[in-house]
Amino acid sequence: MCGRFVSFRKAEELVQYFPIDETACDVIASYNIAPLQEIPVITQRDGRNILDRFHWGLVPAWAKDKSIGNSLINARSETLSTKPSFRTAFRRRRCLIPADGFYEWKAVPETGKKQPYFFTLPNENPFAFAGLWEIWTGNDEPAHQSCTIITTDSSDSVKSIHHRMPVILKPEHYQAWLNSKNREPEAIQPILRDGIVTELSCRIVSPMVNSVRHNDVRNIEEILVI
């Protein structure tokens, strides 16, 4: 799964790495993004790629209330085309979620605790999670923009820490993923198989990341464990 990540680039930096035509929000740096917070998301609308902020936790258009988003922070790549919560968004509303890294935890039997690790690209450039998005307008409330991060089986560089990992797309597949005219699962699914990044680097970081109250660059600094 993916339950905590980092995104600290400013909008003017993000446009250097991602296909962004328009910025519709302020981008706030965070070293400890948690579910249900607002996060930067790139969607395609009317042929333009727009950077905006969405709530992390997908609320399908048919939901009775927004609470369903609490349990839909991740979407398994294997069931996107069949699960009711995701199948329509998979066809019509795919997005990129810019990030600089993500956290995973590994149990330490000797202490009974979990040790956090921070994963990045080997060159530490920003990357994009594959995601889905929705706009919910129920109960006469203001429109609620939400998203979910797609996950898959972990690659060799992650599986010793956790059995699942977020889907990280290769840049050459960004446009195809965003293209809302691509609506057939048979055409989209291969991107999640052949167009993803599998080689990542990781380092041990401080347990301070366990609390969202700790949100600064110290979260991603490597620590020595004796």
C-alpha atoms as a PDB file:
ATOM      1  CA  MET A   1       0.000   0.000   0.000  1.00  0.00           C
ATOM      2  CA  CYS A   2       0.964   3.647   0.105  1.00  0.00           C
ATOM      3  CA  GLY A   3      -0.062   5.440   3.285  1.00  0.00           C
ATOM      4  CA  ARG A   4       2.408   8.294   3.617  1.00  0.00           C
ATOM      5  CA  PHE A   5       4.514  10.224   1.120  1.00  0.00           C
ATOM      6  CA  VAL A   6       6.540  13.382   0.449  1.00  0.00           C
ATOM      7  CA  SER A   7       6.062  16.186  -2.073  1.00  0.00           C
ATOM      8  CA  PHE A   8       8.125  19.329  -1.577  1.00  0.00           C
ATOM      9  CA  ARG A   9       8.556  20.879  -5.062  1.00  0.00           C
ATOM     10  CA  LYS A  10       7.100  24.259  -5.934  1.00  0.00           C
ATOM     11  CA  ALA A  11       4.769  24.593  -8.913  1.00  0.00           C
ATOM     12  CA  GLU A  12       7.467  26.187 -11.051  1.00  0.00           C
ATOM     13  CA  GLU A  13       9.657  23.142 -10.458  1.00  0.00           C
ATOM     14  CA  LEU A  14       6.880  20.635 -11.147  1.00  0.00           C
ATOM     15  CA  VAL A  15       6.262  22.045 -14.626  1.00  0.00           C
ATOM     16  CA  GLN A  16       9.841  21.098 -15.505  1.00  0.00           C
ATOM     17  CA  TYR A  17       9.153  17.415 -14.825  1.00  0.00           C
ATOM     18  CA  PHE A  18       5.463  16.912 -15.613  1.00  0.00           C
ATOM     19  CA  PRO A  19       3.110  17.812 -18.505  1.00  0.00           C
ATOM     20  CA  ILE A  20       1.309  20.730 -16.833  1.00  0.00           C
ATOM     21  CA  ASP A  21      -0.553  23.304 -18.931  1.00  0.00           C
ATOM     22  CA  GLU A  22      -2.206  25.207 -16.095  1.00  0.00           C
ATOM     23  CA  THR A  23      -1.743  25.608 -12.335  1.00  0.00           C
ATOM     24  CA  ALA A  24      -5.013  26.051 -10.433  1.00  0.00           C
ATOM     25  CA  CYS A  25      -3.696  26.007  -6.861  1.00  0.00           C
ATOM     26  CA  ASP A  26      -0.873  26.869  -4.532  1.00  0.00           C
ATOM     27  CA  VAL A  27       1.519  23.966  -3.968  1.00  0.00           C
ATOM     28  CA  ILE A  28       2.478  23.494  -0.334  1.00  0.00           C
ATOM     29  CA  ALA A  29       5.613  21.506   0.505  1.00  0.00           C
ATOM     30  CA  SER A  30       5.073  18.568   2.831  1.00  0.00           C
ATOM     31  CA  TYR A  31       7.462  15.937   4.161  1.00  0.00           C
ATOM     32  CA  ASN A  32       4.699  13.889   5.784  1.00  0.00           C
ATOM     33  CA  ILE A  33       1.559  13.698   3.647  1.00  0.00           C
ATOM     34  CA  ALA A  34      -1.130  11.507   5.190  1.00  0.00           C
ATOM     35  CA  PRO A  35      -4.461  10.153   3.931  1.00  0.00           C
ATOM     36  CA  LEU A  36      -7.423  12.569   3.813  1.00  0.00           C
ATOM     37  CA  GLN A  37      -5.142  15.571   3.397  1.00  0.00           C
ATOM     38  CA  GLU A  38      -5.168  17.690   0.240  1.00  0.00           C
ATOM     39  CA  ILE A  39      -2.417  16.734  -2.199  1.00  0.00           C
ATOM     40  CA  PRO A  40      -1.165  17.995  -5.587  1.00  0.00           C
ATOM     41  CA  VAL A  41      -2.769  16.184  -8.528  1.00  0.00           C
ATOM     42  CA  ILE A  42      -2.496  16.539 -12.319  1.00  0.00           C
ATOM     43  CA  THR A  43      -5.706  15.829 -14.231  1.00  0.00           C
ATOM     44  CA  GLN A  44      -6.720  16.301 -17.848  1.00  0.00           C
ATOM     45  CA  ARG A  45      -9.830  18.364 -18.581  1.00  0.00           C
ATOM     46  CA  ASP A  46     -10.865  19.557 -22.025  1.00  0.00           C
ATOM     47  CA  GLY A  47      -7.487  18.469 -23.359  1.00  0.00           C
ATOM     48  CA  ARG A  48      -5.487  20.533 -20.861  1.00  0.00           C
ATOM     49  CA  ASN A  49      -3.367  19.119 -18.030  1.00  0.00           C
ATOM     50  CA  ILE A  50      -4.184  20.980 -14.832  1.00  0.00           C
ATOM     51  CA  LEU A  51      -2.316  20.946 -11.520  1.00  0.00           C
ATOM     52  CA  ASP A  52      -4.779  21.233  -8.629  1.00  0.00           C
ATOM     53  CA  ARG A  53      -5.297  20.002  -5.067  1.00  0.00           C
ATOM     54  CA  PHE A  54      -7.494  16.994  -4.293  1.00  0.00           C
ATOM     55  CA  HIS A  55      -8.409  15.175  -1.089  1.00  0.00           C
ATOM     56  CA  TRP A  56      -6.539  11.891  -0.733  1.00  0.00           C
ATOM     57  CA  GLY A  57      -9.243   9.248  -0.385  1.00  0.00           C
ATOM     58  CA  LEU A  58     -11.509   8.611  -3.379  1.00  0.00           C
ATOM     59  CA  VAL A  59     -15.209   9.427  -3.083  1.00  0.00           C
ATOM     60  CA  PRO A  60     -17.087   7.902  -6.061  1.00  0.00           C
ATOM     61  CA  ALA A  61     -19.825  10.009  -7.637  1.00  0.00           C
ATOM     62  CA  TRP A  62     -22.459   7.511  -6.467  1.00  0.00           C
ATOM     63  CA  ALA A  63     -21.409   7.604  -2.787  1.00  0.00           C
ATOM     64  CA  LYS A  64     -24.017   8.610  -0.210  1.00  0.00           C
ATOM     65  CA  ASP A  65     -21.452  10.627   1.757  1.00  0.00           C
ATOM     66  CA  LYS A  66     -17.757  11.462   1.797  1.00  0.00           C
ATOM     67  CA  SER A  67     -16.820   8.998   4.540  1.00  0.00           C
ATOM     68  CA  ILE A  68     -16.206   6.238   1.976  1.00  0.00           C
ATOM     69  CA  GLY A  69     -13.001   8.080   1.046  1.00  0.00           C
ATOM     70  CA  ASN A  70     -11.465   7.051   4.374  1.00  0.00           C
ATOM     71  CA  SER A  71     -11.072   3.498   3.064  1.00  0.00           C
ATOM     72  CA  LEU A  72     -10.228   4.286  -0.565  1.00  0.00           C
ATOM     73  CA  ILE A  73      -6.792   5.878  -0.299  1.00  0.00           C
ATOM     74  CA  ASN A  74      -5.316   3.082  -2.445  1.00  0.00           C
ATOM     75  CA  ALA A  75      -6.612   1.101  -5.421  1.00  0.00           C
ATOM     76  CA  ARG A  76      -5.183  -2.277  -6.392  1.00  0.00           C
ATOM     77  CA  SER A  77      -4.034  -2.277 -10.017  1.00  0.00           C
ATOM     78  CA  GLU A  78      -5.289  -5.836 -10.439  1.00  0.00           C
ATOM     79  CA  THR A  79      -8.974  -4.931  -9.892  1.00  0.00           C
ATOM     80  CA  LEU A  80      -9.317  -1.411 -11.321  1.00  0.00           C
ATOM     81  CA  SER A  81     -11.503  -2.454 -14.247  1.00  0.00           C
ATOM     82  CA  THR A  82     -13.918  -4.525 -12.145  1.00  0.00           C
ATOM     83  CA  LYS A  83     -14.267  -2.948  -8.689  1.00  0.00           C
ATOM     84  CA  PRO A  84     -17.298  -0.587  -8.611  1.00  0.00           C
ATOM     85  CA  SER A  85     -15.413   2.063  -6.634  1.00  0.00           C
ATOM     86  CA  PHE A  86     -12.775   2.440  -9.354  1.00  0.00           C
ATOM     87  CA  ARG A  87     -13.896   1.076 -12.717  1.00  0.00           C
ATOM     88  CA  THR A  88     -15.484   4.273 -14.074  1.00  0.00           C
ATOM     89  CA  ALA A  89     -12.593   6.469 -12.955  1.00  0.00           C
ATOM     90  CA  PHE A  90     -10.152   3.966 -14.443  1.00  0.00           C
ATOM     91  CA  ARG A  91     -11.765   4.466 -17.827  1.00  0.00           C
ATOM     92  CA  ARG A  92     -12.360   8.206 -17.691  1.00  0.00           C
ATOM     93  CA  ARG A  93     -10.540   9.962 -14.836  1.00  0.00           C
ATOM     94  CA  ARG A  94      -6.897   9.008 -14.416  1.00  0.00           C
ATOM     95  CA  CYS A  95      -4.359  11.338 -12.851  1.00  0.00           C
ATOM     96  CA  LEU A  96      -0.736  11.864 -11.933  1.00  0.00           C
ATOM     97  CA  ILE A  97       0.222  12.528  -8.327  1.00  0.00           C
ATOM     98  CA  PRO A  98       3.635  14.251  -8.080  1.00  0.00           C
ATOM     99  CA  ALA A  99       5.899  13.030  -5.297  1.00  0.00           C
ATOM    100  CA  ASP A 100       9.507  13.066  -4.161  1.00  0.00           C
ATOM    101  CA  GLY A 101       9.361   9.822  -2.213  1.00  0.00           C
ATOM    102  CA  PHE A 102       7.215   7.621  -0.008  1.00  0.00           C
ATOM    103  CA  TYR A 103       7.499   5.845   3.330  1.00  0.00           C
ATOM    104  CA  GLU A 104       7.071   2.205   4.233  1.00  0.00           C
ATOM    105  CA  TRP A 105       7.524   0.432   7.555  1.00  0.00           C
ATOM    106  CA  LYS A 106       9.182  -2.886   8.393  1.00  0.00           C
ATOM    107  CA  ALA A 107       8.565  -4.806  11.589  1.00  0.00           C
ATOM    108  CA  VAL A 108      11.574  -5.253  13.888  1.00  0.00           C
ATOM    109  CA  PRO A 109      10.912  -8.451  15.892  1.00  0.00           C
ATOM    110  CA  GLU A 110      13.620  -7.661  18.457  1.00  0.00           C
ATOM    111  CA  THR A 111      11.872  -4.466  19.550  1.00  0.00           C
ATOM    112  CA  GLY A 112       8.279  -5.143  18.583  1.00  0.00           C
ATOM    113  CA  LYS A 113       8.263  -1.837  16.714  1.00  0.00           C
ATOM    114  CA  LYS A 114       8.282  -0.839  13.055  1.00  0.00           C
ATOM    115  CA  GLN A 115      11.190   0.918  11.381  1.00  0.00           C
ATOM    116  CA  PRO A 116      10.301   3.530   8.715  1.00  0.00           C
ATOM    117  CA  TYR A 117      12.121   3.629   5.369  1.00  0.00           C
ATOM    118  CA  PHE A 118      12.064   6.381   2.768  1.00  0.00           C
ATOM    119  CA  PHE A 119      11.956   5.357  -0.914  1.00  0.00           C
ATOM    120  CA  THR A 120      13.028   7.573  -3.810  1.00  0.00           C
ATOM    121  CA  LEU A 121      14.242   7.306  -7.368  1.00  0.00           C
ATOM    122  CA  PRO A 122      17.989   6.556  -7.429  1.00  0.00           C
ATOM    123  CA  ASN A 123      18.639  10.105  -8.731  1.00  0.00           C
ATOM    124  CA  GLU A 124      16.078  11.572  -6.272  1.00  0.00           C
ATOM    125  CA  ASN A 125      14.185  13.394  -9.027  1.00  0.00           C
ATOM    126  CA  PRO A 126      10.451  13.867  -8.515  1.00  0.00           C
ATOM    127  CA  PHE A 127       8.151  11.220  -9.983  1.00  0.00           C
ATOM    128  CA  ALA A 128       4.434  10.578 -10.422  1.00  0.00           C
ATOM    129  CA  PHE A 129       2.181   7.988  -8.823  1.00  0.00           C
ATOM    130  CA  ALA A 130      -0.565   6.666 -11.074  1.00  0.00           C
ATOM    131  CA  GLY A 131      -3.899   7.687  -9.630  1.00  0.00           C
ATOM    132  CA  LEU A 132      -7.642   8.024 -10.200  1.00  0.00           C
ATOM    133  CA  TRP A 133      -9.841  11.021  -9.438  1.00  0.00           C
ATOM    134  CA  GLU A 134     -13.481  11.897  -8.894  1.00  0.00           C
ATOM    135  CA  ILE A 135     -15.656  14.932  -8.142  1.00  0.00           C
ATOM    136  CA  TRP A 136     -18.495  14.271  -5.680  1.00  0.00           C
ATOM    137  CA  THR A 137     -21.432  16.681  -5.442  1.00  0.00           C
ATOM    138  CA  GLY A 138     -23.802  14.959  -3.043  1.00  0.00           C
ATOM    139  CA  ASN A 139     -25.899  16.254  -0.142  1.00  0.00           C
ATOM    140  CA  ASP A 140     -25.937  19.834  -1.437  1.00  0.00           C
ATOM    141  CA  GLU A 141     -22.332  20.217  -0.267  1.00  0.00           C
ATOM    142  CA  PRO A 142     -19.557  22.006  -2.197  1.00  0.00           C
ATOM    143  CA  ALA A 143     -17.921  19.907  -4.902  1.00  0.00           C
ATOM    144  CA  HIS A 144     -15.428  17.501  -3.337  1.00  0.00           C
ATOM    145  CA  GLN A 145     -12.364  16.661  -5.453  1.00  0.00           C
ATOM    146  CA  SER A 146     -10.734  13.409  -4.407  1.00  0.00           C
ATOM    147  CA  CYS A 147      -8.191  10.856  -5.598  1.00  0.00           C
ATOM    148  CA  THR A 148      -6.583   7.510  -4.860  1.00  0.00           C
ATOM    149  CA  ILE A 149      -3.091   6.097  -5.423  1.00  0.00           C
ATOM    150  CA  ILE A 150      -2.816   2.859  -7.415  1.00  0.00           C
ATOM    151  CA  THR A 151      -0.693   0.062  -5.946  1.00  0.00           C
ATOM    152  CA  THR A 152       0.870  -3.133  -7.255  1.00  0.00           C
ATOM    153  CA  ASP A 153       3.047  -6.026  -6.093  1.00  0.00           C
ATOM    154  CA  SER A 154       6.392  -4.778  -4.865  1.00  0.00           C
ATOM    155  CA  SER A 155       9.461  -4.934  -7.075  1.00  0.00           C
ATOM    156  CA  ASP A 156      12.723  -6.497  -5.897  1.00  0.00           C
ATOM    157  CA  SER A 157      13.911  -3.141  -4.547  1.00  0.00           C
ATOM    158  CA  VAL A 158      10.902  -2.806  -2.216  1.00  0.00           C
ATOM    159  CA  LYS A 159       9.598  -6.270  -1.321  1.00  0.00           C
ATOM    160  CA  SER A 160      12.029  -6.870   1.549  1.00  0.00           C
ATOM    161  CA  ILE A 161      10.314  -3.972   3.328  1.00  0.00           C
ATOM    162  CA  HIS A 162       6.700  -4.314   2.114  1.00  0.00           C
ATOM    163  CA  HIS A 163       4.784  -6.606  -0.255  1.00  0.00           C
ATOM    164  CA  ARG A 164       2.927  -3.750  -1.996  1.00  0.00           C
ATOM    165  CA  MET A 165       4.141  -0.482  -3.514  1.00  0.00           C
ATOM    166  CA  PRO A 166       2.609   2.516  -5.293  1.00  0.00           C
ATOM    167  CA  VAL A 167       2.583   2.449  -9.085  1.00  0.00           C
ATOM    168  CA  ILE A 168       5.220   4.942 -10.300  1.00  0.00           C
ATOM    169  CA  LEU A 169       4.869   5.754 -13.979  1.00  0.00           C
ATOM    170  CA  LYS A 170       7.729   6.277 -16.395  1.00  0.00           C
ATOM    171  CA  PRO A 171       7.628   9.828 -17.852  1.00  0.00           C
ATOM    172  CA  GLU A 172       7.089   8.598 -21.414  1.00  0.00           C
ATOM    173  CA  HIS A 173       3.703   7.220 -20.334  1.00  0.00           C
ATOM    174  CA  TYR A 174       2.387  10.325 -18.558  1.00  0.00           C
ATOM    175  CA  GLN A 175       0.355  11.638 -21.482  1.00  0.00           C
ATOM    176  CA  ALA A 176      -1.147   8.278 -22.396  1.00  0.00           C
ATOM    177  CA  TRP A 177      -2.205   7.763 -18.787  1.00  0.00           C
ATOM    178  CA  LEU A 178      -3.815  11.207 -18.546  1.00  0.00           C
ATOM    179  CA  ASN A 179      -5.518  11.017 -21.948  1.00  0.00           C
ATOM    180  CA  SER A 180      -9.224  10.805 -21.144  1.00  0.00           C
ATOM    181  CA  LYS A 181      -9.950   9.598 -24.686  1.00  0.00           C
ATOM    182  CA  ASN A 182      -8.205   6.306 -23.853  1.00  0.00           C
ATOM    183  CA  ARG A 183     -11.139   4.487 -22.277  1.00  0.00           C
ATOM    184  CA  GLU A 184     -10.658   0.805 -22.996  1.00  0.00           C
ATOM    185  CA  PRO A 185      -9.095  -1.191 -20.134  1.00  0.00           C
ATOM    186  CA  GLU A 186      -7.281  -3.361 -22.667  1.00  0.00           C
ATOM    187  CA  ALA A 187      -5.398  -0.263 -23.882  1.00  0.00           C
ATOM    188  CA  ILE A 188      -4.774   1.232 -20.445  1.00  0.00           C
ATOM    189  CA  GLN A 189      -3.818  -1.839 -18.404  1.00  0.00           C
ATOM    190  CA  PRO A 190      -0.507  -2.455 -20.242  1.00  0.00           C
ATOM    191  CA  ILE A 191       0.778   0.891 -18.923  1.00  0.00           C
ATOM    192  CA  LEU A 192       0.460  -0.495 -15.395  1.00  0.00           C
ATOM    193  CA  ARG A 193       2.466  -3.537 -16.441  1.00  0.00           C
ATOM    194  CA  ASP A 194       5.135  -2.208 -18.797  1.00  0.00           C
ATOM    195  CA  GLY A 195       5.272   1.531 -18.081  1.00  0.00           C
ATOM    196  CA  ILE A 196       6.233   1.566 -14.420  1.00  0.00           C
ATOM    197  CA  VAL A 197       9.386   2.269 -12.440  1.00  0.00           C
ATOM    198  CA  THR A 198      10.673  -0.718 -10.478  1.00  0.00           C
ATOM    199  CA  GLU A 199      14.163   0.333  -9.376  1.00  0.00           C
ATOM    200  CA  LEU A 200      14.097   2.478  -6.242  1.00  0.00           C
ATOM    201  CA  SER A 201      16.533   3.478  -3.522  1.00  0.00           C
ATOM    202  CA  CYS A 202      15.698   3.519   0.167  1.00  0.00           C
ATOM    203  CA  ARG A 203      17.169   4.649   3.441  1.00  0.00           C
ATOM    204  CA  ILE A 204      16.303   4.262   7.095  1.00  0.00           C
ATOM    205  CA  VAL A 205      14.713   7.381   8.567  1.00  0.00           C
ATOM    206  CA  SER A 206      13.647   8.571  11.985  1.00  0.00           C
ATOM    207  CA  PRO A 207      10.480   7.258  13.686  1.00  0.00           C
ATOM    208  CA  MET A 208       9.462  10.907  13.957  1.00  0.00           C
ATOM    209  CA  VAL A 209       7.637  10.368  10.638  1.00  0.00           C
ATOM    210  CA  ASN A 210       5.146   8.199  12.535  1.00  0.00           C
ATOM    211  CA  SER A 211       3.421  11.403  13.646  1.00  0.00           C
ATOM    212  CA  VAL A 212       2.037  13.836  11.065  1.00  0.00           C
ATOM    213  CA  ARG A 213       2.928  16.620  13.494  1.00  0.00           C
ATOM    214  CA  HIS A 214       6.533  16.143  12.385  1.00  0.00           C
ATOM    215  CA  ASN A 215       6.733  17.690   8.951  1.00  0.00           C
ATOM    216  CA  ASP A 216      10.115  18.986   7.856  1.00  0.00           C
ATOM    217  CA  VAL A 217      13.214  17.894   5.952  1.00  0.00           C
ATOM    218  CA  ARG A 218      14.531  15.911   8.933  1.00  0.00           C
ATOM    219  CA  ASN A 219      11.890  13.282   8.151  1.00  0.00           C
ATOM    220  CA  ILE A 220      13.774  12.145   5.036  1.00  0.00           C
ATOM    221  CA  GLU A 221      17.315  12.320   6.392  1.00  0.00           C
ATOM    222  CA  GLU A 222      19.071   8.973   6.802  1.00  0.00           C
ATOM    223  CA  ILE A 223      19.750   7.843  10.342  1.00  0.00           C
ATOM    224  CA  LEU A 224      22.163   5.287  11.751  1.00  0.00           C
ATOM    225  CA  VAL A 225      20.539   2.317  13.471  1.00  0.00           C
ATOM    226  CA  ILE A 226      22.773   0.472  15.921  1.00  0.00           C
END
